[in-house]
Amino acid sequence: PIPIKAKYLVIIYGLIELFEGVHNFSFDNVAHWAHLGGMLFGF
C-alpha cells in the first residue's frame, strides 16, 4: 500500500514482464510476451 506515479508503475510492470518472459519459468503459464506485445502495439 504505497503511492507511485503512473509512469513508474508502467516501467516496473514492463520490466517484470520482460524478466519473466525471458526466463520462461517452468511453473509459469502466463503469456508474458503477449502482455509486452499489448504494450508495444499501444506505444
PDB file of all heavy atoms in Angstrom:
ATOM      1  N   PRO A   1       0.820  -1.219   0.000  1.00  0.00           N
ATOM      2  CA  PRO A   1       0.000   0.000   0.000  1.00  0.00           C
ATOM      3  C   PRO A   1       0.852   1.267   0.000  1.00  0.00           C
ATOM      4  O   PRO A   1       0.986   1.962   1.005  1.00  0.00           O
ATOM      5  CB  PRO A   1      -0.816  -0.128   1.293  1.00  0.00           C
ATOM      6  CG  PRO A   1       0.067  -0.937   2.191  1.00  0.00           C
ATOM      7  CD  PRO A   1       0.798  -1.893   1.312  1.00  0.00           C
ATOM      8  N   ILE A   2       1.449   1.559  -1.153  1.00  0.00           N
ATOM      9  CA  ILE A   2       2.305   2.743  -1.271  1.00  0.00           C
ATOM     10  C   ILE A   2       1.896   3.527  -2.518  1.00  0.00           C
ATOM     11  O   ILE A   2       1.415   2.959  -3.492  1.00  0.00           O
ATOM     12  CB  ILE A   2       3.795   2.364  -1.370  1.00  0.00           C
ATOM     13  CG1 ILE A   2       4.041   1.441  -2.571  1.00  0.00           C
ATOM     14  CG2 ILE A   2       4.284   1.704  -0.087  1.00  0.00           C
ATOM     15  CD1 ILE A   2       5.503   1.144  -2.837  1.00  0.00           C
ATOM     16  N   PRO A   3       2.096   4.848  -2.498  1.00  0.00           N
ATOM     17  CA  PRO A   3       1.773   5.660  -3.682  1.00  0.00           C
ATOM     18  C   PRO A   3       2.914   5.594  -4.693  1.00  0.00           C
ATOM     19  O   PRO A   3       4.094   5.498  -4.335  1.00  0.00           O
ATOM     20  CB  PRO A   3       1.625   7.062  -3.107  1.00  0.00           C
ATOM     21  CG  PRO A   3       2.527   7.068  -1.906  1.00  0.00           C
ATOM     22  CD  PRO A   3       2.488   5.675  -1.341  1.00  0.00           C
ATOM     23  N   ILE A   4       2.565   5.644  -5.980  1.00  0.00           N
ATOM     24  CA  ILE A   4       3.570   5.622  -7.034  1.00  0.00           C
ATOM     25  C   ILE A   4       3.017   6.355  -8.241  1.00  0.00           C
ATOM     26  O   ILE A   4       1.814   6.293  -8.514  1.00  0.00           O
ATOM     27  CB  ILE A   4       3.951   4.165  -7.394  1.00  0.00           C
ATOM     28  CG1 ILE A   4       5.083   4.147  -8.424  1.00  0.00           C
ATOM     29  CG2 ILE A   4       2.744   3.404  -7.911  1.00  0.00           C
ATOM     30  CD1 ILE A   4       5.618   2.754  -8.709  1.00  0.00           C
ATOM     31  N   LYS A   5       3.878   7.065  -8.943  1.00  0.00           N
ATOM     32  CA  LYS A   5       3.439   7.763 -10.146  1.00  0.00           C
ATOM     33  C   LYS A   5       3.186   6.765 -11.270  1.00  0.00           C
ATOM     34  O   LYS A   5       3.859   5.748 -11.367  1.00  0.00           O
ATOM     35  CB  LYS A   5       4.484   8.792 -10.567  1.00  0.00           C
ATOM     36  CG  LYS A   5       4.553   9.989  -9.629  1.00  0.00           C
ATOM     37  CD  LYS A   5       5.484  11.059 -10.165  1.00  0.00           C
ATOM     38  CE  LYS A   5       5.462  12.290  -9.246  1.00  0.00           C
ATOM     39  NZ  LYS A   5       6.345  13.370  -9.771  1.00  0.00           N
ATOM     40  N   ALA A   6       2.227   7.098 -12.123  1.00  0.00           N
ATOM     41  CA  ALA A   6       1.796   6.173 -13.172  1.00  0.00           C
ATOM     42  C   ALA A   6       2.949   5.772 -14.091  1.00  0.00           C
ATOM     43  O   ALA A   6       3.061   4.614 -14.494  1.00  0.00           O
ATOM     44  CB  ALA A   6       0.667   6.808 -13.987  1.00  0.00           C
ATOM     45  N   LYS A   7       3.816   6.712 -14.440  1.00  0.00           N
ATOM     46  CA  LYS A   7       4.902   6.398 -15.374  1.00  0.00           C
ATOM     47  C   LYS A   7       5.865   5.369 -14.785  1.00  0.00           C
ATOM     48  O   LYS A   7       6.380   4.503 -15.516  1.00  0.00           O
ATOM     49  CB  LYS A   7       5.651   7.661 -15.764  1.00  0.00           C
ATOM     50  CG  LYS A   7       6.250   8.439 -14.594  1.00  0.00           C
ATOM     51  CD  LYS A   7       6.866   9.746 -15.067  1.00  0.00           C
ATOM     52  CE  LYS A   7       7.417  10.568 -13.909  1.00  0.00           C
ATOM     53  NZ  LYS A   7       7.973  11.873 -14.385  1.00  0.00           N
ATOM     54  N   TYR A   8       6.103   5.433 -13.487  1.00  0.00           N
ATOM     55  CA  TYR A   8       6.997   4.453 -12.862  1.00  0.00           C
ATOM     56  C   TYR A   8       6.321   3.089 -12.741  1.00  0.00           C
ATOM     57  O   TYR A   8       6.979   2.054 -12.859  1.00  0.00           O
ATOM     58  CB  TYR A   8       7.438   4.956 -11.493  1.00  0.00           C
ATOM     59  CG  TYR A   8       8.210   6.248 -11.548  1.00  0.00           C
ATOM     60  CD1 TYR A   8       7.877   7.320 -10.725  1.00  0.00           C
ATOM     61  CD2 TYR A   8       9.267   6.407 -12.443  1.00  0.00           C
ATOM     62  CE1 TYR A   8       8.588   8.516 -10.780  1.00  0.00           C
ATOM     63  CE2 TYR A   8       9.965   7.602 -12.514  1.00  0.00           C
ATOM     64  CZ  TYR A   8       9.621   8.653 -11.680  1.00  0.00           C
ATOM     65  OH  TYR A   8      10.322   9.834 -11.745  1.00  0.00           O
ATOM     66  N   LEU A   9       5.017   3.105 -12.506  1.00  0.00           N
ATOM     67  CA  LEU A   9       4.282   1.849 -12.426  1.00  0.00           C
ATOM     68  C   LEU A   9       4.352   1.100 -13.757  1.00  0.00           C
ATOM     69  O   LEU A   9       4.569  -0.121 -13.791  1.00  0.00           O
ATOM     70  CB  LEU A   9       2.825   2.116 -12.058  1.00  0.00           C
ATOM     71  CG  LEU A   9       1.916   0.881 -11.957  1.00  0.00           C
ATOM     72  CD1 LEU A   9       2.355  -0.009 -10.797  1.00  0.00           C
ATOM     73  CD2 LEU A   9       0.459   1.296 -11.770  1.00  0.00           C
ATOM     74  N   VAL A  10       4.189   1.823 -14.869  1.00  0.00           N
ATOM     75  CA  VAL A  10       4.257   1.203 -16.194  1.00  0.00           C
ATOM     76  C   VAL A  10       5.640   0.618 -16.435  1.00  0.00           C
ATOM     77  O   VAL A  10       5.779  -0.509 -16.930  1.00  0.00           O
ATOM     78  CB  VAL A  10       3.905   2.238 -17.284  1.00  0.00           C
ATOM     79  CG1 VAL A  10       4.192   1.671 -18.670  1.00  0.00           C
ATOM     80  CG2 VAL A  10       2.452   2.651 -17.172  1.00  0.00           C
ATOM     81  N   ILE A  11       6.680   1.370 -16.091  1.00  0.00           N
ATOM     82  CA  ILE A  11       8.056   0.895 -16.294  1.00  0.00           C
ATOM     83  C   ILE A  11       8.315  -0.370 -15.486  1.00  0.00           C
ATOM     84  O   ILE A  11       8.896  -1.341 -15.991  1.00  0.00           O
ATOM     85  CB  ILE A  11       9.069   1.993 -15.923  1.00  0.00           C
ATOM     86  CG1 ILE A  11       8.959   3.160 -16.912  1.00  0.00           C
ATOM     87  CG2 ILE A  11      10.486   1.435 -15.896  1.00  0.00           C
ATOM     88  CD1 ILE A  11       9.788   4.370 -16.522  1.00  0.00           C
ATOM     89  N   ILE A  12       7.861  -0.376 -14.231  1.00  0.00           N
ATOM     90  CA  ILE A  12       8.081  -1.541 -13.366  1.00  0.00           C
ATOM     91  C   ILE A  12       7.368  -2.761 -13.914  1.00  0.00           C
ATOM     92  O   ILE A  12       7.938  -3.860 -13.991  1.00  0.00           O
ATOM     93  CB  ILE A  12       7.614  -1.231 -11.928  1.00  0.00           C
ATOM     94  CG1 ILE A  12       8.547  -0.203 -11.290  1.00  0.00           C
ATOM     95  CG2 ILE A  12       7.558  -2.504 -11.085  1.00  0.00           C
ATOM     96  CD1 ILE A  12       8.072   0.310  -9.945  1.00  0.00           C
ATOM     97  N   TYR A  13       6.105  -2.592 -14.304  1.00  0.00           N
ATOM     98  CA  TYR A  13       5.349  -3.717 -14.852  1.00  0.00           C
ATOM     99  C   TYR A  13       6.007  -4.238 -16.131  1.00  0.00           C
ATOM    100  O   TYR A  13       6.091  -5.449 -16.360  1.00  0.00           O
ATOM    101  CB  TYR A  13       3.904  -3.310 -15.144  1.00  0.00           C
ATOM    102  CG  TYR A  13       2.945  -3.681 -14.041  1.00  0.00           C
ATOM    103  CD1 TYR A  13       2.412  -2.723 -13.178  1.00  0.00           C
ATOM    104  CD2 TYR A  13       2.563  -5.005 -13.864  1.00  0.00           C
ATOM    105  CE1 TYR A  13       1.530  -3.080 -12.170  1.00  0.00           C
ATOM    106  CE2 TYR A  13       1.675  -5.366 -12.869  1.00  0.00           C
ATOM    107  CZ  TYR A  13       1.167  -4.400 -12.017  1.00  0.00           C
ATOM    108  OH  TYR A  13       0.308  -4.749 -11.016  1.00  0.00           O
ATOM    109  N   GLY A  14       6.452  -3.319 -16.983  1.00  0.00           N
ATOM    110  CA  GLY A  14       7.101  -3.730 -18.222  1.00  0.00           C
ATOM    111  C   GLY A  14       8.369  -4.531 -17.972  1.00  0.00           C
ATOM    112  O   GLY A  14       8.611  -5.555 -18.617  1.00  0.00           O
ATOM    113  N   LEU A  15       9.179  -4.096 -17.012  1.00  0.00           N
ATOM    114  CA  LEU A  15      10.420  -4.803 -16.689  1.00  0.00           C
ATOM    115  C   LEU A  15      10.139  -6.173 -16.086  1.00  0.00           C
ATOM    116  O   LEU A  15      10.845  -7.146 -16.373  1.00  0.00           O
ATOM    117  CB  LEU A  15      11.267  -3.956 -15.729  1.00  0.00           C
ATOM    118  CG  LEU A  15      11.864  -2.675 -16.319  1.00  0.00           C
ATOM    119  CD1 LEU A  15      12.581  -1.876 -15.233  1.00  0.00           C
ATOM    120  CD2 LEU A  15      12.823  -3.010 -17.460  1.00  0.00           C
ATOM    121  N   ILE A  16       9.109  -6.260 -15.250  1.00  0.00           N
ATOM    122  CA  ILE A  16       8.745  -7.554 -14.658  1.00  0.00           C
ATOM    123  C   ILE A  16       8.320  -8.533 -15.751  1.00  0.00           C
ATOM    124  O   ILE A  16       8.745  -9.701 -15.757  1.00  0.00           O
ATOM    125  CB  ILE A  16       7.613  -7.377 -13.624  1.00  0.00           C
ATOM    126  CG1 ILE A  16       8.129  -6.640 -12.393  1.00  0.00           C
ATOM    127  CG2 ILE A  16       7.036  -8.734 -13.216  1.00  0.00           C
ATOM    128  CD1 ILE A  16       7.056  -6.294 -11.378  1.00  0.00           C
ATOM    129  N   GLU A  17       7.486  -8.076 -16.675  1.00  0.00           N
ATOM    130  CA  GLU A  17       7.035  -8.949 -17.759  1.00  0.00           C
ATOM    131  C   GLU A  17       8.207  -9.383 -18.633  1.00  0.00           C
ATOM    132  O   GLU A  17       8.277 -10.540 -19.061  1.00  0.00           O
ATOM    133  CB  GLU A  17       5.986  -8.232 -18.612  1.00  0.00           C
ATOM    134  CG  GLU A  17       4.665  -7.992 -17.908  1.00  0.00           C
ATOM    135  CD  GLU A  17       4.002  -9.286 -17.464  1.00  0.00           C
ATOM    136  OE1 GLU A  17       3.925 -10.225 -18.288  1.00  0.00           O
ATOM    137  OE2 GLU A  17       3.574  -9.366 -16.312  1.00  0.00           O
ATOM    138  N   LEU A  18       9.130  -8.461 -18.910  1.00  0.00           N
ATOM    139  CA  LEU A  18      10.297  -8.800 -19.719  1.00  0.00           C
ATOM    140  C   LEU A  18      11.167  -9.836 -19.013  1.00  0.00           C
ATOM    141  O   LEU A  18      11.614 -10.817 -19.624  1.00  0.00           O
ATOM    142  CB  LEU A  18      11.111  -7.541 -20.012  1.00  0.00           C
ATOM    143  CG  LEU A  18      12.369  -7.742 -20.867  1.00  0.00           C
ATOM    144  CD1 LEU A  18      12.000  -8.288 -22.246  1.00  0.00           C
ATOM    145  CD2 LEU A  18      13.131  -6.427 -21.002  1.00  0.00           C
ATOM    146  N   PHE A  19      11.392  -9.644 -17.719  1.00  0.00           N
ATOM    147  CA  PHE A  19      12.212 -10.582 -16.936  1.00  0.00           C
ATOM    148  C   PHE A  19      11.593 -11.977 -16.940  1.00  0.00           C
ATOM    149  O   PHE A  19      12.272 -12.980 -17.206  1.00  0.00           O
ATOM    150  CB  PHE A  19      12.345 -10.077 -15.501  1.00  0.00           C
ATOM    151  CG  PHE A  19      13.017 -11.047 -14.567  1.00  0.00           C
ATOM    152  CD1 PHE A  19      14.395 -11.174 -14.547  1.00  0.00           C
ATOM    153  CD2 PHE A  19      12.256 -11.845 -13.724  1.00  0.00           C
ATOM    154  CE1 PHE A  19      15.009 -12.076 -13.687  1.00  0.00           C
ATOM    155  CE2 PHE A  19      12.860 -12.751 -12.863  1.00  0.00           C
ATOM    156  CZ  PHE A  19      14.249 -12.866 -12.845  1.00  0.00           C
ATOM    157  N   GLU A  20      10.292 -12.050 -16.663  1.00  0.00           N
ATOM    158  CA  GLU A  20       9.631 -13.356 -16.580  1.00  0.00           C
ATOM    159  C   GLU A  20       9.493 -13.996 -17.957  1.00  0.00           C
ATOM    160  O   GLU A  20       9.551 -15.230 -18.082  1.00  0.00           O
ATOM    161  CB  GLU A  20       8.261 -13.200 -15.912  1.00  0.00           C
ATOM    162  CG  GLU A  20       8.366 -12.777 -14.454  1.00  0.00           C
ATOM    163  CD  GLU A  20       7.028 -12.741 -13.751  1.00  0.00           C
ATOM    164  OE1 GLU A  20       6.000 -12.679 -14.453  1.00  0.00           O
ATOM    165  OE2 GLU A  20       7.013 -12.759 -12.511  1.00  0.00           O
ATOM    166  N   GLY A  21       9.303 -13.193 -18.996  1.00  0.00           N
ATOM    167  CA  GLY A  21       9.226 -13.744 -20.340  1.00  0.00           C
ATOM    168  C   GLY A  21      10.547 -14.338 -20.792  1.00  0.00           C
ATOM    169  O   GLY A  21      10.585 -15.409 -21.394  1.00  0.00           O
ATOM    170  N   VAL A  22      11.658 -13.653 -20.496  1.00  0.00           N
ATOM    171  CA  VAL A  22      12.981 -14.138 -20.892  1.00  0.00           C
ATOM    172  C   VAL A  22      13.346 -15.407 -20.144  1.00  0.00           C
ATOM    173  O   VAL A  22      13.880 -16.361 -20.721  1.00  0.00           O
ATOM    174  CB  VAL A  22      14.047 -13.044 -20.651  1.00  0.00           C
ATOM    175  CG1 VAL A  22      15.452 -13.622 -20.793  1.00  0.00           C
ATOM    176  CG2 VAL A  22      13.846 -11.890 -21.624  1.00  0.00           C
ATOM    177  N   HIS A  23      13.047 -15.454 -18.854  1.00  0.00           N
ATOM    178  CA  HIS A  23      13.433 -16.609 -18.047  1.00  0.00           C
ATOM    179  C   HIS A  23      12.518 -17.812 -18.276  1.00  0.00           C
ATOM    180  O   HIS A  23      12.931 -18.947 -18.057  1.00  0.00           O
ATOM    181  CB  HIS A  23      13.455 -16.242 -16.563  1.00  0.00           C
ATOM    182  CG  HIS A  23      14.671 -15.444 -16.180  1.00  0.00           C
ATOM    183  ND1 HIS A  23      14.796 -14.101 -16.472  1.00  0.00           N
ATOM    184  CD2 HIS A  23      15.828 -15.804 -15.568  1.00  0.00           C
ATOM    185  CE1 HIS A  23      15.970 -13.665 -16.027  1.00  0.00           C
ATOM    186  NE2 HIS A  23      16.612 -14.667 -15.484  1.00  0.00           N
ATOM    187  N   ASN A  24      11.253 -17.556 -18.675  1.00  0.00           N
ATOM    188  CA  ASN A  24      10.349 -18.649 -19.058  1.00  0.00           C
ATOM    189  C   ASN A  24      10.320 -19.757 -18.014  1.00  0.00           C
ATOM    190  O   ASN A  24      10.641 -20.914 -18.276  1.00  0.00           O
ATOM    191  CB  ASN A  24      10.768 -19.228 -20.413  1.00  0.00           C
ATOM    192  CG  ASN A  24       9.717 -20.169 -20.979  1.00  0.00           C
ATOM    193  OD1 ASN A  24       8.536 -20.059 -20.678  1.00  0.00           O
ATOM    194  ND2 ASN A  24      10.154 -21.121 -21.796  1.00  0.00           N
ATOM    195  N   PHE A  25       9.938 -19.402 -16.798  1.00  0.00           N
ATOM    196  CA  PHE A  25       9.922 -20.356 -15.700  1.00  0.00           C
ATOM    197  C   PHE A  25       8.964 -21.510 -15.990  1.00  0.00           C
ATOM    198  O   PHE A  25       7.873 -21.314 -16.520  1.00  0.00           O
ATOM    199  CB  PHE A  25       9.510 -19.666 -14.404  1.00  0.00           C
ATOM    200  CG  PHE A  25      10.475 -18.591 -13.975  1.00  0.00           C
ATOM    201  CD1 PHE A  25      10.098 -17.263 -13.997  1.00  0.00           C
ATOM    202  CD2 PHE A  25      11.755 -18.912 -13.582  1.00  0.00           C
ATOM    203  CE1 PHE A  25      10.978 -16.259 -13.616  1.00  0.00           C
ATOM    204  CE2 PHE A  25      12.646 -17.922 -13.189  1.00  0.00           C
ATOM    205  CZ  PHE A  25      12.265 -16.598 -13.213  1.00  0.00           C
ATOM    206  N   SER A  26       9.369 -22.722 -15.619  1.00  0.00           N
ATOM    207  CA  SER A  26       8.583 -23.915 -15.943  1.00  0.00           C
ATOM    208  C   SER A  26       7.220 -23.924 -15.270  1.00  0.00           C
ATOM    209  O   SER A  26       6.271 -24.493 -15.780  1.00  0.00           O
ATOM    210  CB  SER A  26       9.369 -25.175 -15.543  1.00  0.00           C
ATOM    211  OG  SER A  26       9.666 -25.156 -14.156  1.00  0.00           O
ATOM    212  N   PHE A  27       7.112 -23.286 -14.101  1.00  0.00           N
ATOM    213  CA  PHE A  27       5.856 -23.277 -13.356  1.00  0.00           C
ATOM    214  C   PHE A  27       4.927 -22.148 -13.798  1.00  0.00           C
ATOM    215  O   PHE A  27       3.821 -22.015 -13.291  1.00  0.00           O
ATOM    216  CB  PHE A  27       6.142 -23.126 -11.856  1.00  0.00           C
ATOM    217  CG  PHE A  27       6.956 -21.894 -11.517  1.00  0.00           C
ATOM    218  CD1 PHE A  27       6.347 -20.657 -11.374  1.00  0.00           C
ATOM    219  CD2 PHE A  27       8.328 -21.981 -11.369  1.00  0.00           C
ATOM    220  CE1 PHE A  27       7.085 -19.525 -11.077  1.00  0.00           C
ATOM    221  CE2 PHE A  27       9.083 -20.857 -11.069  1.00  0.00           C
ATOM    222  CZ  PHE A  27       8.469 -19.626 -10.927  1.00  0.00           C
ATOM    223  N   ASP A  28       5.369 -21.360 -14.752  1.00  0.00           N
ATOM    224  CA  ASP A  28       4.645 -20.157 -15.145  1.00  0.00           C
ATOM    225  C   ASP A  28       3.915 -20.397 -16.459  1.00  0.00           C
ATOM    226  O   ASP A  28       4.537 -20.712 -17.472  1.00  0.00           O
ATOM    227  CB  ASP A  28       5.646 -19.001 -15.295  1.00  0.00           C
ATOM    228  CG  ASP A  28       4.957 -17.662 -15.477  1.00  0.00           C
ATOM    229  OD1 ASP A  28       3.717 -17.642 -15.547  1.00  0.00           O
ATOM    230  OD2 ASP A  28       5.664 -16.642 -15.531  1.00  0.00           O
ATOM    231  N   ASN A  29       2.595 -20.258 -16.455  1.00  0.00           N
ATOM    232  CA  ASN A  29       1.816 -20.423 -17.693  1.00  0.00           C
ATOM    233  C   ASN A  29       1.203 -19.107 -18.151  1.00  0.00           C
ATOM    234  O   ASN A  29       0.224 -19.091 -18.891  1.00  0.00           O
ATOM    235  CB  ASN A  29       0.718 -21.469 -17.492  1.00  0.00           C
ATOM    236  CG  ASN A  29      -0.289 -21.057 -16.436  1.00  0.00           C
ATOM    237  OD1 ASN A  29      -0.077 -20.085 -15.719  1.00  0.00           O
ATOM    238  ND2 ASN A  29      -1.386 -21.790 -16.339  1.00  0.00           N
ATOM    239  N   VAL A  30       1.784 -17.984 -17.697  1.00  0.00           N
ATOM    240  CA  VAL A  30       1.294 -16.657 -18.077  1.00  0.00           C
ATOM    241  C   VAL A  30       1.925 -16.240 -19.403  1.00  0.00           C
ATOM    242  O   VAL A  30       3.117 -16.465 -19.637  1.00  0.00           O
ATOM    243  CB  VAL A  30       1.632 -15.624 -16.983  1.00  0.00           C
ATOM    244  CG1 VAL A  30       1.181 -14.226 -17.403  1.00  0.00           C
ATOM    245  CG2 VAL A  30       0.982 -16.020 -15.664  1.00  0.00           C
ATOM    246  N   ALA A  31       1.129 -15.620 -20.273  1.00  0.00           N
ATOM    247  CA  ALA A  31       1.613 -15.189 -21.595  1.00  0.00           C
ATOM    248  C   ALA A  31       2.290 -13.824 -21.479  1.00  0.00           C
ATOM    249  O   ALA A  31       1.743 -12.795 -21.894  1.00  0.00           O
ATOM    250  CB  ALA A  31       0.456 -15.147 -22.586  1.00  0.00           C
ATOM    251  N   HIS A  32       3.501 -13.806 -20.919  1.00  0.00           N
ATOM    252  CA  HIS A  32       4.199 -12.546 -20.674  1.00  0.00           C
ATOM    253  C   HIS A  32       4.513 -11.797 -21.963  1.00  0.00           C
ATOM    254  O   HIS A  32       4.443 -10.564 -22.011  1.00  0.00           O
ATOM    255  CB  HIS A  32       5.492 -12.816 -19.900  1.00  0.00           C
ATOM    256  CG  HIS A  32       5.281 -13.419 -18.556  1.00  0.00           C
ATOM    257  ND1 HIS A  32       4.719 -12.721 -17.505  1.00  0.00           N
ATOM    258  CD2 HIS A  32       5.531 -14.674 -18.085  1.00  0.00           C
ATOM    259  CE1 HIS A  32       4.651 -13.501 -16.443  1.00  0.00           C
ATOM    260  NE2 HIS A  32       5.129 -14.691 -16.768  1.00  0.00           N
ATOM    261  N   TRP A  33       4.850 -12.527 -23.031  1.00  0.00           N
ATOM    262  CA  TRP A  33       5.182 -11.853 -24.283  1.00  0.00           C
ATOM    263  C   TRP A  33       3.944 -11.216 -24.904  1.00  0.00           C
ATOM    264  O   TRP A  33       4.048 -10.183 -25.583  1.00  0.00           O
ATOM    265  CB  TRP A  33       5.837 -12.836 -25.251  1.00  0.00           C
ATOM    266  CG  TRP A  33       7.199 -13.267 -24.790  1.00  0.00           C
ATOM    267  CD1 TRP A  33       7.565 -14.503 -24.345  1.00  0.00           C
ATOM    268  CD2 TRP A  33       8.371 -12.439 -24.698  1.00  0.00           C
ATOM    269  NE1 TRP A  33       8.895 -14.502 -23.994  1.00  0.00           N
ATOM    270  CE2 TRP A  33       9.421 -13.263 -24.193  1.00  0.00           C
ATOM    271  CE3 TRP A  33       8.644 -11.107 -24.993  1.00  0.00           C
ATOM    272  CZ2 TRP A  33      10.702 -12.777 -23.987  1.00  0.00           C
ATOM    273  CZ3 TRP A  33       9.927 -10.613 -24.773  1.00  0.00           C
ATOM    274  CH2 TRP A  33      10.935 -11.443 -24.288  1.00  0.00           C
ATOM    275  N   ALA A  34       2.783 -11.803 -24.674  1.00  0.00           N
ATOM    276  CA  ALA A  34       1.540 -11.179 -25.143  1.00  0.00           C
ATOM    277  C   ALA A  34       1.295  -9.869 -24.399  1.00  0.00           C
ATOM    278  O   ALA A  34       0.844  -8.879 -24.990  1.00  0.00           O
ATOM    279  CB  ALA A  34       0.365 -12.134 -24.954  1.00  0.00           C
ATOM    280  N   HIS A  35       1.594  -9.846 -23.106  1.00  0.00           N
ATOM    281  CA  HIS A  35       1.454  -8.612 -22.322  1.00  0.00           C
ATOM    282  C   HIS A  35       2.357  -7.521 -22.892  1.00  0.00           C
ATOM    283  O   HIS A  35       1.931  -6.382 -23.093  1.00  0.00           O
ATOM    284  CB  HIS A  35       1.827  -8.868 -20.863  1.00  0.00           C
ATOM    285  CG  HIS A  35       0.934  -9.865 -20.189  1.00  0.00           C
ATOM    286  ND1 HIS A  35       1.188 -10.353 -18.919  1.00  0.00           N
ATOM    287  CD2 HIS A  35      -0.206 -10.475 -20.597  1.00  0.00           C
ATOM    288  CE1 HIS A  35       0.243 -11.214 -18.592  1.00  0.00           C
ATOM    289  NE2 HIS A  35      -0.612 -11.302 -19.593  1.00  0.00           N
ATOM    290  N   LEU A  36       3.612  -7.906 -23.150  1.00  0.00           N
ATOM    291  CA  LEU A  36       4.541  -6.933 -23.726  1.00  0.00           C
ATOM    292  C   LEU A  36       4.107  -6.527 -25.123  1.00  0.00           C
ATOM    293  O   LEU A  36       4.292  -5.374 -25.531  1.00  0.00           O
ATOM    294  CB  LEU A  36       5.950  -7.536 -23.761  1.00  0.00           C
ATOM    295  CG  LEU A  36       6.621  -7.732 -22.399  1.00  0.00           C
ATOM    296  CD1 LEU A  36       7.899  -8.547 -22.546  1.00  0.00           C
ATOM    297  CD2 LEU A  36       6.933  -6.383 -21.761  1.00  0.00           C
ATOM    298  N   GLY A  37       3.510  -7.465 -25.860  1.00  0.00           N
ATOM    299  CA  GLY A  37       3.001  -7.143 -27.190  1.00  0.00           C
ATOM    300  C   GLY A  37       1.899  -6.101 -27.145  1.00  0.00           C
ATOM    301  O   GLY A  37       1.843  -5.200 -27.985  1.00  0.00           O
ATOM    302  N   GLY A  38       1.014  -6.213 -26.151  1.00  0.00           N
ATOM    303  CA  GLY A  38      -0.036  -5.223 -25.988  1.00  0.00           C
ATOM    304  C   GLY A  38       0.530  -3.841 -25.704  1.00  0.00           C
ATOM    305  O   GLY A  38       0.068  -2.832 -26.258  1.00  0.00           O
ATOM    306  N   MET A  39       1.573  -3.787 -24.871  1.00  0.00           N
ATOM    307  CA  MET A  39       2.216  -2.507 -24.566  1.00  0.00           C
ATOM    308  C   MET A  39       2.937  -1.960 -25.790  1.00  0.00           C
ATOM    309  O   MET A  39       2.894  -0.746 -26.053  1.00  0.00           O
ATOM    310  CB  MET A  39       3.203  -2.687 -23.404  1.00  0.00           C
ATOM    311  CG  MET A  39       2.563  -3.146 -22.104  1.00  0.00           C
ATOM    312  SD  MET A  39       3.747  -3.336 -20.744  1.00  0.00           S
ATOM    313  CE  MET A  39       3.892  -1.640 -20.192  1.00  0.00           C
ATOM    314  N   LEU A  40       3.586  -2.834 -26.547  1.00  0.00           N
ATOM    315  CA  LEU A  40       4.341  -2.394 -27.729  1.00  0.00           C
ATOM    316  C   LEU A  40       3.411  -1.812 -28.787  1.00  0.00           C
ATOM    317  O   LEU A  40       3.668  -0.713 -29.317  1.00  0.00           O
ATOM    318  CB  LEU A  40       5.117  -3.583 -28.304  1.00  0.00           C
ATOM    319  CG  LEU A  40       5.997  -3.289 -29.518  1.00  0.00           C
ATOM    320  CD1 LEU A  40       7.136  -2.364 -29.137  1.00  0.00           C
ATOM    321  CD2 LEU A  40       6.556  -4.586 -30.105  1.00  0.00           C
ATOM    322  N   PHE A  41       2.340  -2.530 -29.102  1.00  0.00           N
ATOM    323  CA  PHE A  41       1.396  -2.027 -30.101  1.00  0.00           C
ATOM    324  C   PHE A  41       0.721  -0.751 -29.608  1.00  0.00           C
ATOM    325  O   PHE A  41       0.451   0.161 -30.397  1.00  0.00           O
ATOM    326  CB  PHE A  41       0.356  -3.095 -30.425  1.00  0.00           C
ATOM    327  CG  PHE A  41       0.782  -4.050 -31.504  1.00  0.00           C
ATOM    328  CD1 PHE A  41       1.689  -5.054 -31.229  1.00  0.00           C
ATOM    329  CD2 PHE A  41       0.288  -3.934 -32.793  1.00  0.00           C
ATOM    330  CE1 PHE A  41       2.092  -5.943 -32.216  1.00  0.00           C
ATOM    331  CE2 PHE A  41       0.682  -4.811 -33.799  1.00  0.00           C
ATOM    332  CZ  PHE A  41       1.598  -5.821 -33.503  1.00  0.00           C
ATOM    333  N   GLY A  42       0.437  -0.679 -28.302  1.00  0.00           N
ATOM    334  CA  GLY A  42      -0.158   0.527 -27.746  1.00  0.00           C
ATOM    335  C   GLY A  42       0.765   1.724 -27.864  1.00  0.00           C
ATOM    336  O   GLY A  42       0.329   2.836 -28.201  1.00  0.00           O
ATOM    337  N   PHE A  43       2.054   1.499 -27.618  1.00  0.00           N
ATOM    338  CA  PHE A  43       3.040   2.588 -27.701  1.00  0.00           C
ATOM    339  C   PHE A  43       3.104   3.150 -29.115  1.00  0.00           C
ATOM    340  O   PHE A  43       3.050   4.373 -29.318  1.00  0.00           O
ATOM    341  CB  PHE A  43       4.410   2.067 -27.269  1.00  0.00           C
ATOM    342  CG  PHE A  43       5.515   3.074 -27.409  1.00  0.00           C
ATOM    343  CD1 PHE A  43       5.700   4.053 -26.449  1.00  0.00           C
ATOM    344  CD2 PHE A  43       6.347   3.053 -28.519  1.00  0.00           C
ATOM    345  CE1 PHE A  43       6.719   4.998 -26.577  1.00  0.00           C
ATOM    346  CE2 PHE A  43       7.367   3.980 -28.662  1.00  0.00           C
ATOM    347  CZ  PHE A  43       7.549   4.951 -27.685  1.00  0.00           C
TER     348      PHE A  43
END
